[in-house]
Each structure stands twice: as C-alpha cells, then as structure tokens.
C-alpha cells in the first residue's frame, strides 16, 4: 500500500479560518502520524550522472555546484559533513525540539546514483541515528531508478515511510533539452510506474518560469502528474544563483526571471487544475542567500505565500476545482 494514502477536500475556507484550499503536506503528516513531523535535510555526498559525463556535464542550467541542497552546503561546517553528524546535530539543536518524529531527506544531487551496497550503507546510517526517525525520502532522477534500487527501497517499508522525489520540472522535452535535463518525460513516466507498481510513493518536482516555457507547458505538466496519480508535488519558481549556467544566460540578457504576479497567477492555476488527491509539499522555494541573484521577490517567502493565499481566496480557488480527469 502506498504510503501517501490520499484524501479529497471540498470547497474549504481560506487559511485564516484554519482550513487550507489545497492538500497541505504538514496537515497530511499530522493526520497520518497523529502529530507534527519534520524533515531532516541531509547531504549524502552523492554525485550526478549529468555532471560526471555519464549522460551530460554541467548539470541542469539552474542547478548549482551543491545540487538542490545549497542551503545545506553553505551552513554545514566541515566537522559535520558525515551523515550521522548532520542528523545528530539537527536533533540536538532547537529544530530537534520542534517535533518528535522526523523524515530523513537525502536532498543534494542524485541520491540513488551509486552502488547498491553504498546506497544501503548511507541509508542505514541515516535511519539508525534515532528512534524518532520514521521515514526516508530520496531525491533523485528518473533515469537513476531501476528494479535493484526499488527492491532496496522496498526493504525499508516495513518500518519506515519511503518516498522518492523525482525532478520532472516540465513535461515539454524541448524545454527539457534546453535546460540540459538529460532525461525524457518518458523516462519520468517509466520511473513513476515502476515505483508505484512496487508500492513506493512518488513526489514530483515542478518549476515555473523555465526558459521558453508558456502557460500550456505548465498546464500539460500538471495534467500529466494528475494522470499518473503522483502522490505529491513540489512547486517553485525558477531562480538564478551565481554558480549556474542560468546565471550566465541572465547576465547575457538571454533569460529574464518571471514576476511575482505571474508566479502567483500560475500557482493558483496549478492548484485549480491539479487532481485533489495529490499532496502539495511546497509552493515556493528557499533560495540560498549566499548565491542568490534574481528575482528579488523570491527572498520574501512569507509575502509570496500571503499573496498566493490571498489570490486563492479572491478567486475562490480550491485544489481540483478545474481538474478534468482524462
């Protein structure tokens, strides 16, 4: 049975009345486990086939040297670089006092890109750090999922919630090529089906504002995710950091970031169009301030969240209100 058992919400009130207009992750976790559950983000010191020449070099154009977990890299002292030390440090800090249950989240780069023995050693190390750990979430690429890896992940399901996060970004393969993604939408579909067939939950990553993207591309991406019945979705705007190819494009005037108004409008449309069964894990990002270049509005996370929630209320949007099952 897939961990992310879902539930449908109807027309509910805005967040000021204690009800979200979409299936919020925190609410789902509390409903599932009976109390607050937090994530411990971990850098497992993995590489990526899109960097070492296996399928490409340089990575995706928006991806920095640290992968998607720049905030881990830039706050992590060298002495805490091991998986165990990262988790122990987190649990011993004020953050470890904010909950009694935690999901270990391997975030940086491609966290299934290694030998099975090496993967097992790293996952085992993380899960053995505390009895408070109840889940394992793995961020990876769809072309780095196969049956051997699926069997390893299945071996943890008797004791832990297991979630695989796959970066799709867009279902438009032309844009995928332009951002140097290194895999196709067909690869993504195959990975989702393989994971779901084996009872493993899937969270898909979607970006708004990619070079060359239009509204139809965003709609098609959300329709695909709904049709695949992914268990969760992460949404955020494309942003520019100083250690990326996208930065060079931005400097050359080839790429212009989207505005906050456009992003708010697109997120509202996404929520309206998305299957009401999907859990929304996030609707904006936390850019690394040390590397961040543009757009400036993304540094004001609470203001963006408030703008989205306000627009959902004004337009009376709730998740799935424009969903059309095909």
Protein backbone atom coordinates (compact mmCIF):
# COMPACT_ATOMS: atom_id res chain seq x y z
CA UNK A 1 0.00 0.00 0.00
CA UNK A 2 1.44 3.37 -0.99
CA UNK A 3 2.42 5.49 2.00
CA UNK A 4 0.83 8.67 0.72
CA UNK A 5 -2.76 7.45 1.11
CA UNK A 6 -4.71 10.48 -0.09
CA UNK A 7 -7.88 12.26 0.77
CA UNK A 8 -10.11 14.67 -1.14
CA UNK A 9 -11.02 18.14 0.09
CA UNK A 10 -14.04 20.10 -0.97
CA UNK A 11 -14.66 23.83 -1.10
CA UNK A 12 -12.97 24.89 2.08
CA UNK A 13 -12.27 28.22 3.74
CA UNK A 14 -9.08 30.23 3.47
CA UNK A 15 -6.20 29.57 5.83
CA UNK A 16 -7.29 32.35 8.21
CA UNK A 17 -10.20 30.13 9.15
CA UNK A 18 -7.88 27.19 9.85
CA UNK A 19 -8.50 25.37 6.57
CA UNK A 20 -6.26 25.30 3.51
CA UNK A 21 -7.58 25.43 -0.01
CA UNK A 22 -5.18 22.66 -1.01
CA UNK A 23 -3.84 19.42 0.46
CA UNK A 24 -1.00 20.75 2.56
CA UNK A 25 1.85 18.40 3.49
CA UNK A 26 2.02 19.41 7.15
CA UNK A 27 -1.66 18.76 7.63
CA UNK A 28 -1.39 15.40 5.90
CA UNK A 29 1.57 14.28 8.02
CA UNK A 30 -0.15 15.28 11.22
CA UNK A 31 -3.27 13.39 10.13
CA UNK A 32 -1.19 10.33 9.22
CA UNK A 33 1.08 10.18 12.27
CA UNK A 34 -1.06 11.93 14.86
CA UNK A 35 1.46 14.71 15.48
CA UNK A 36 3.86 17.09 13.82
CA UNK A 37 6.51 15.53 11.54
CA UNK A 38 9.57 17.43 10.27
CA UNK A 39 12.26 16.69 7.70
CA UNK A 40 15.97 16.47 8.34
CA UNK A 41 17.71 17.54 5.13
CA UNK A 42 20.91 15.59 4.57
CA UNK A 43 23.78 15.90 2.12
CA UNK A 44 24.77 12.30 1.37
CA UNK A 45 27.80 13.34 -0.71
CA UNK A 46 26.33 11.93 -3.92
CA UNK A 47 27.24 12.92 -7.47
CA UNK A 48 25.04 13.18 -10.57
CA UNK A 49 25.20 11.46 -13.98
CA UNK A 50 24.51 14.86 -15.52
CA UNK A 51 27.78 16.16 -14.10
CA UNK A 52 30.28 13.33 -14.42
CA UNK A 53 29.73 12.73 -18.14
CA UNK A 54 27.50 9.65 -17.87
CA UNK A 55 24.62 11.49 -19.53
CA UNK A 56 25.95 15.03 -19.54
CA UNK A 57 28.19 17.63 -17.94
CA UNK A 58 27.49 20.80 -16.03
CA UNK A 59 24.14 19.66 -14.67
CA UNK A 60 20.80 21.35 -15.33
CA UNK A 61 21.25 25.02 -16.15
CA UNK A 62 19.59 26.14 -12.90
CA UNK A 63 21.48 23.70 -10.68
CA UNK A 64 24.47 24.94 -8.69
CA UNK A 65 27.55 23.06 -7.57
CA UNK A 66 25.81 21.78 -4.44
CA UNK A 67 22.77 20.48 -6.29
CA UNK A 68 19.32 21.37 -4.99
CA UNK A 69 20.51 21.48 -1.38
CA UNK A 70 22.63 24.63 -1.44
CA UNK A 71 21.29 25.67 1.94
CA UNK A 72 22.78 22.53 3.46
CA UNK A 73 26.20 23.02 1.89
CA UNK A 74 26.55 26.62 2.93
CA UNK A 75 25.55 26.18 6.55
CA UNK A 76 27.39 22.89 7.13
CA UNK A 77 30.73 23.02 9.00
CA UNK A 78 33.30 20.56 7.71
CA UNK A 79 33.21 18.68 11.03
CA UNK A 80 29.54 17.89 10.45
CA UNK A 81 29.90 16.62 6.92
CA UNK A 82 29.15 12.97 7.73
CA UNK A 83 25.56 11.77 7.50
CA UNK A 84 25.44 10.79 11.15
CA UNK A 85 26.85 14.09 12.37
CA UNK A 86 24.39 16.08 10.26
CA UNK A 87 21.44 14.24 11.79
CA UNK A 88 22.75 14.28 15.36
CA UNK A 89 23.49 17.99 15.06
CA UNK A 90 19.96 18.66 13.82
CA UNK A 91 18.33 16.61 16.58
CA UNK A 92 20.45 18.28 19.27
CA UNK A 93 19.57 21.76 18.04
CA UNK A 94 16.40 23.79 18.66
CA UNK A 95 14.99 22.25 15.46
CA UNK A 96 15.11 18.80 17.04
CA UNK A 97 12.83 20.05 19.81
CA UNK A 98 10.09 21.14 17.41
CA UNK A 99 8.80 17.59 16.78
CA UNK A 100 9.05 14.02 17.99
CA UNK A 101 9.01 12.38 14.57
CA UNK A 102 11.26 13.05 11.60
CA UNK A 103 11.79 12.05 7.97
CA UNK A 104 15.39 11.90 6.76
CA UNK A 105 15.54 13.66 3.41
CA UNK A 106 18.55 12.98 1.15
CA UNK A 107 18.43 16.18 -0.89
CA UNK A 108 21.66 17.11 -2.68
CA UNK A 109 22.30 15.80 -6.18
CA UNK A 110 21.18 12.27 -7.23
CA UNK A 111 20.67 10.13 -4.17
CA UNK A 112 20.30 6.77 -5.92
CA UNK A 113 23.40 7.23 -8.06
CA UNK A 114 25.85 4.72 -6.59
CA UNK A 115 26.28 1.01 -6.00
CA UNK A 116 23.56 -0.78 -4.06
CA UNK A 117 25.98 -1.55 -1.22
CA UNK A 118 26.96 2.11 -0.93
CA UNK A 119 23.35 3.28 -1.05
CA UNK A 120 22.33 0.81 1.64
CA UNK A 121 25.20 1.85 3.89
CA UNK A 122 24.23 5.52 3.68
CA UNK A 123 20.51 4.94 4.13
CA UNK A 124 21.13 2.55 7.03
CA UNK A 125 23.41 5.05 8.72
CA UNK A 126 20.77 7.78 8.50
CA UNK A 127 17.89 5.65 9.72
CA UNK A 128 19.86 4.24 12.66
CA UNK A 129 20.62 7.63 14.17
CA UNK A 130 17.44 7.94 16.21
CA UNK A 131 14.21 6.14 17.06
CA UNK A 132 12.48 9.41 16.21
CA UNK A 133 13.13 8.82 12.51
CA UNK A 134 10.02 7.38 10.88
CA UNK A 135 10.66 7.98 7.20
CA UNK A 136 13.16 8.04 4.35
CA UNK A 137 12.79 10.48 1.45
CA UNK A 138 15.15 10.22 -1.51
CA UNK A 139 15.61 12.94 -4.14
CA UNK A 140 16.83 11.54 -7.42
CA UNK A 141 16.48 11.44 -11.21
CA UNK A 142 14.06 9.15 -13.08
CA UNK A 143 16.92 7.69 -15.12
CA UNK A 144 18.54 6.56 -11.86
CA UNK A 145 15.68 4.29 -10.80
CA UNK A 146 15.76 0.58 -11.62
CA UNK A 147 14.45 -2.64 -10.12
CA UNK A 148 17.51 -3.21 -7.95
CA UNK A 149 17.13 0.22 -6.36
CA UNK A 150 13.38 -0.26 -5.98
CA UNK A 151 13.98 -3.54 -4.14
CA UNK A 152 16.38 -1.79 -1.77
CA UNK A 153 13.84 0.93 -1.03
CA UNK A 154 11.10 -1.66 -0.54
CA UNK A 155 13.22 -3.36 2.12
CA UNK A 156 12.70 -0.34 4.40
CA UNK A 157 8.93 -0.16 4.07
CA UNK A 158 8.06 -2.49 6.93
CA UNK A 159 9.46 0.03 9.40
CA UNK A 160 9.66 3.37 7.58
CA UNK A 161 7.63 5.55 5.26
CA UNK A 162 9.56 5.58 1.97
CA UNK A 163 9.17 8.42 -0.54
CA UNK A 164 11.04 9.02 -3.80
CA UNK A 165 11.26 12.56 -5.14
CA UNK A 166 11.74 12.84 -8.90
CA UNK A 167 12.67 16.05 -10.68
CA UNK A 168 10.42 16.49 -13.70
CA UNK A 169 10.37 20.32 -13.89
CA UNK A 170 8.42 20.21 -17.19
CA UNK A 171 6.86 17.60 -19.47
CA UNK A 172 7.99 19.54 -22.55
CA UNK A 173 11.06 17.63 -23.77
CA UNK A 174 12.23 20.54 -25.90
CA UNK A 175 12.48 22.65 -22.76
CA UNK A 176 14.00 19.64 -21.00
CA UNK A 177 16.76 19.61 -23.60
CA UNK A 178 17.20 23.38 -23.35
CA UNK A 179 17.76 23.17 -19.60
CA UNK A 180 20.16 20.24 -20.06
CA UNK A 181 17.93 17.90 -18.03
CA UNK A 182 19.46 14.77 -19.53
CA UNK A 183 16.36 12.54 -19.49
CA UNK A 184 12.98 12.45 -21.20
CA UNK A 185 9.43 12.68 -19.95
CA UNK A 186 9.07 9.04 -20.99
CA UNK A 187 11.88 8.20 -18.54
CA UNK A 188 9.93 10.01 -15.83
CA UNK A 189 6.72 8.13 -16.62
CA UNK A 190 8.55 4.79 -16.55
CA UNK A 191 10.11 5.58 -13.17
CA UNK A 192 6.77 6.63 -11.65
CA UNK A 193 5.07 3.48 -12.89
CA UNK A 194 7.87 1.25 -11.60
CA UNK A 195 7.80 2.88 -8.17
CA UNK A 196 4.02 2.83 -7.91
CA UNK A 197 3.82 -0.79 -9.04
CA UNK A 198 6.03 -1.61 -6.07
CA UNK A 199 4.08 0.48 -3.58
CA UNK A 200 6.56 3.36 -3.29
CA UNK A 201 5.25 6.92 -3.08
CA UNK A 202 6.39 9.49 -5.63
CA UNK A 203 6.77 13.24 -5.23
CA UNK A 204 7.32 15.20 -8.46
CA UNK A 205 9.22 18.46 -8.71
CA UNK A 206 7.80 21.21 -10.97
CA UNK A 207 9.36 24.59 -11.84
CA UNK A 208 7.55 27.66 -13.14
CA UNK A 209 9.41 30.15 -15.31
CA UNK A 210 11.83 27.91 -17.18
CA UNK A 211 13.37 29.37 -20.36
CA UNK A 212 10.92 29.12 -23.26
CA UNK A 213 8.07 27.87 -21.09
CA UNK A 214 4.49 29.02 -21.63
CA UNK A 215 1.17 28.53 -19.86
CA UNK A 216 0.28 25.50 -21.99
CA UNK A 217 3.50 23.78 -20.94
CA UNK A 218 2.62 24.29 -17.28
CA UNK A 219 -0.92 23.01 -17.79
CA UNK A 220 0.31 19.95 -19.68
CA UNK A 221 2.81 19.16 -16.92
CA UNK A 222 0.14 19.30 -14.22
CA UNK A 223 -2.24 17.22 -16.32
CA UNK A 224 0.46 14.56 -16.72
CA UNK A 225 1.15 14.43 -12.98
CA UNK A 226 -2.55 14.15 -12.24
CA UNK A 227 -2.98 11.34 -14.77
CA UNK A 228 -0.02 9.45 -13.28
CA UNK A 229 -1.56 9.85 -9.82
CA UNK A 230 1.69 11.02 -8.26
CA UNK A 231 1.42 11.20 -4.52
CA UNK A 232 2.89 14.65 -4.04
CA UNK A 233 4.13 17.71 -5.90
CA UNK A 234 6.69 20.41 -5.12
CA UNK A 235 6.27 23.71 -6.93
CA UNK A 236 8.60 26.67 -7.09
CA UNK A 237 9.73 29.47 -9.34
CA UNK A 238 12.89 29.28 -11.41
CA UNK A 239 15.57 31.43 -9.79
CA UNK A 240 19.12 32.42 -10.64
CA UNK A 241 22.16 31.66 -8.48
CA UNK A 242 25.70 32.75 -9.20
CA UNK A 243 27.20 29.29 -9.77
CA UNK A 244 24.93 28.21 -12.64
CA UNK A 245 24.66 28.29 -16.42
CA UNK A 246 21.38 30.14 -15.94
CA UNK A 247 23.38 32.96 -14.32
CA UNK A 248 25.42 33.33 -17.49
CA UNK A 249 22.21 33.45 -19.51
CA UNK A 250 20.77 36.05 -17.14
CA UNK A 251 23.90 38.19 -17.36
CA UNK A 252 23.81 37.99 -21.15
CA UNK A 253 20.17 39.07 -21.24
CA UNK A 254 19.09 35.72 -22.66
CA UNK A 255 16.96 34.79 -19.66
CA UNK A 256 14.54 37.05 -17.75
CA UNK A 257 13.01 35.73 -14.49
CA UNK A 258 9.25 35.81 -14.13
CA UNK A 259 7.46 38.37 -11.98
CA UNK A 260 5.81 37.65 -8.66
CA UNK A 261 2.39 38.42 -10.12
CA UNK A 262 2.89 35.87 -12.89
CA UNK A 263 4.10 33.25 -10.42
CA UNK A 264 1.15 33.80 -8.08
CA UNK A 265 -1.24 33.50 -11.02
CA UNK A 266 0.41 30.27 -12.24
CA UNK A 267 0.41 28.65 -8.78
CA UNK A 268 -3.29 29.41 -8.42
CA UNK A 269 -3.95 27.89 -11.84
CA UNK A 270 -1.86 24.84 -10.95
CA UNK A 271 -3.77 24.27 -7.71
CA UNK A 272 -7.09 24.64 -9.50
CA UNK A 273 -6.07 22.21 -12.27
CA UNK A 274 -4.36 19.57 -10.12
CA UNK A 275 -6.06 16.38 -9.00
CA UNK A 276 -7.50 16.89 -5.50
CA UNK A 277 -5.84 13.62 -4.43
CA UNK A 278 -2.28 14.98 -4.66
CA UNK A 279 -0.46 16.29 -1.59
CA UNK A 280 1.22 19.65 -2.24
CA UNK A 281 4.57 19.67 -0.45
CA UNK A 282 5.52 23.25 -1.19
CA UNK A 283 4.51 26.21 -3.34
CA UNK A 284 7.70 28.26 -3.19
CA UNK A 285 11.41 27.81 -2.58
CA UNK A 286 14.13 28.90 -0.15
CA UNK A 287 16.95 30.23 -2.35
CA UNK A 288 20.47 30.21 -0.85
CA UNK A 289 21.12 33.84 0.08
CA UNK A 290 24.88 33.46 -0.34
CA UNK A 291 24.45 32.66 -4.04
CA UNK A 292 21.11 34.24 -4.92
CA UNK A 293 20.93 36.68 -7.83
CA UNK A 294 17.34 37.04 -9.05
CA UNK A 295 14.39 37.61 -8.91
CA UNK A 296 14.44 39.72 -5.74
CA UNK A 297 10.85 38.94 -4.78
CA UNK A 298 11.75 35.31 -4.06
CA UNK A 299 13.67 36.36 -0.95
CA UNK A 300 10.40 37.37 0.71
CA UNK A 301 8.88 33.96 1.26
CA UNK A 302 6.08 34.96 3.62
CA UNK A 303 4.97 37.78 1.34
CA UNK A 304 4.79 35.38 -1.60
CA UNK A 305 2.83 32.83 0.42
CA UNK A 306 0.43 35.53 1.58
CA UNK A 307 -0.03 36.73 -2.00
CA UNK A 308 -0.85 33.20 -3.17
CA UNK A 309 -3.28 32.53 -0.34
CA UNK A 310 -4.93 35.91 -0.85
CA UNK A 311 -5.37 35.25 -4.58
CA UNK A 312 -6.79 31.78 -3.90
CA UNK A 313 -9.33 33.43 -1.63
CA UNK A 314 -10.22 36.26 -4.02
CA UNK A 315 -10.69 33.85 -6.93
CA UNK A 316 -12.36 31.21 -4.73
CA UNK A 317 -9.90 28.55 -5.90
CA UNK A 318 -9.56 25.21 -4.19
CA UNK A 319 -7.46 22.26 -5.28
CA UNK A 320 -9.03 20.44 -8.19
CA UNK A 321 -11.83 22.92 -8.87
CA UNK A 322 -10.76 22.93 -12.54
CA UNK A 323 -9.49 19.36 -12.57
CA UNK A 324 -10.67 17.29 -15.51
CA UNK A 325 -9.99 13.56 -15.25
CA UNK A 326 -9.00 12.21 -18.66
